[in-house]
Amino acid sequence: MSGSDVLKKTNFGAKSEGDKVVLTIGNAEIKMGYNNAFQLSQWIRLAARQAKTFAGDMSKTWNVAGNLTDAEQDIKDGQKRRI
């Protein structure tokens, strides 16, 4: 893979719309069911792990994602969870 094959600085992300997942890469949008989204995420994770090993990167890193909401609005909307 040459340097020109690597993804250039591009906006990408994922969000849910009802029972669908919308994957956005650049200007392209792909909608899929949640089962397909889980499967795609595992394929990407496996390929990334293999590429990292091939590159000789043995570092241990943690990546996390979160769903941030407006807690005050959630309470107004009746979505307060009891812990």
Protein backbone atom coordinates (compact mmCIF):
# COMPACT_ATOMS: atom_id res chain seq x y z
CA MET A 1 0.00 0.00 0.00
CA SER A 2 1.53 3.30 -1.02
CA GLY A 3 1.11 6.59 0.83
CA SER A 4 -1.45 7.69 -1.75
CA ASP A 5 -3.63 4.68 -0.88
CA VAL A 6 -4.05 5.75 2.73
CA LEU A 7 -7.25 7.54 3.67
CA LYS A 8 -6.74 11.27 3.38
CA LYS A 9 -8.10 13.58 6.07
CA THR A 10 -11.78 12.82 5.68
CA ASN A 11 -14.78 13.28 7.92
CA PHE A 12 -16.23 9.96 8.99
CA GLY A 13 -18.60 8.76 11.63
CA ALA A 14 -21.55 6.61 12.55
CA LYS A 15 -24.92 7.32 14.10
CA SER A 16 -28.13 5.45 14.72
CA GLU A 17 -31.47 6.24 13.13
CA GLY A 18 -34.09 4.06 14.71
CA ASP A 19 -33.05 0.44 14.12
CA LYS A 20 -30.58 1.43 11.36
CA VAL A 21 -26.95 2.53 11.55
CA VAL A 22 -25.73 5.27 9.23
CA LEU A 23 -22.02 5.12 8.33
CA THR A 24 -20.65 8.33 6.80
CA ILE A 25 -17.30 8.55 5.01
CA GLY A 26 -16.73 11.86 3.28
CA ASN A 27 -19.91 12.62 1.34
CA ALA A 28 -21.00 8.97 1.15
CA GLU A 29 -23.66 7.58 3.49
CA ILE A 30 -24.41 3.90 3.96
CA LYS A 31 -27.46 2.75 5.93
CA MET A 32 -27.52 -0.76 7.31
CA GLY A 33 -29.26 -2.84 9.91
CA TYR A 34 -27.65 -3.06 13.33
CA ASN A 35 -26.67 -6.72 12.81
CA ASN A 36 -24.70 -5.79 9.69
CA ALA A 37 -23.12 -2.85 11.53
CA PHE A 38 -21.92 -5.17 14.33
CA GLN A 39 -20.49 -7.57 11.74
CA LEU A 40 -18.73 -4.75 9.84
CA SER A 41 -17.26 -3.38 13.08
CA GLN A 42 -15.78 -6.78 13.93
CA TRP A 43 -14.26 -7.16 10.44
CA ILE A 44 -12.66 -3.72 10.74
CA ARG A 45 -11.40 -4.47 14.24
CA LEU A 46 -9.85 -7.78 13.13
CA ALA A 47 -8.19 -6.22 10.06
CA ALA A 48 -6.84 -3.34 12.19
CA ARG A 49 -5.40 -5.78 14.73
CA GLN A 50 -3.70 -7.75 11.94
CA ALA A 51 -2.29 -4.57 10.36
CA LYS A 52 -1.00 -3.37 13.75
CA THR A 53 0.75 -6.70 14.34
CA PHE A 54 2.24 -6.66 10.83
CA ALA A 55 3.56 -3.14 11.48
CA GLY A 56 5.32 -4.46 14.60
CA ASP A 57 3.33 -2.23 16.92
CA MET A 58 3.07 -4.11 20.19
CA SER A 59 1.79 -1.15 22.22
CA LYS A 60 -1.29 -1.49 24.35
CA THR A 61 -3.79 1.29 23.88
CA TRP A 62 -7.35 1.88 24.97
CA ASN A 63 -9.88 3.58 22.76
CA VAL A 64 -13.31 4.41 24.06
CA ALA A 65 -16.41 5.98 22.62
CA GLY A 66 -19.29 7.54 24.43
CA ASN A 67 -22.76 8.85 23.83
CA LEU A 68 -22.89 12.31 25.35
CA THR A 69 -26.28 13.83 26.05
CA ASP A 70 -27.68 16.88 27.73
CA ALA A 71 -28.56 15.50 31.18
CA GLU A 72 -30.94 18.35 31.99
CA GLN A 73 -32.85 17.81 28.74
CA ASP A 74 -32.94 14.06 29.38
CA ILE A 75 -34.58 14.70 32.75
CA LYS A 76 -37.14 17.02 31.13
CA ASP A 77 -37.84 14.34 28.53
CA GLY A 78 -38.41 11.74 31.26
CA GLN A 79 -35.33 9.70 30.39
CA LYS A 80 -33.72 9.82 33.82
CA ARG A 81 -32.31 6.45 34.73
CA ARG A 82 -32.27 5.23 38.29
CA ILE A 83 -29.01 3.71 39.41
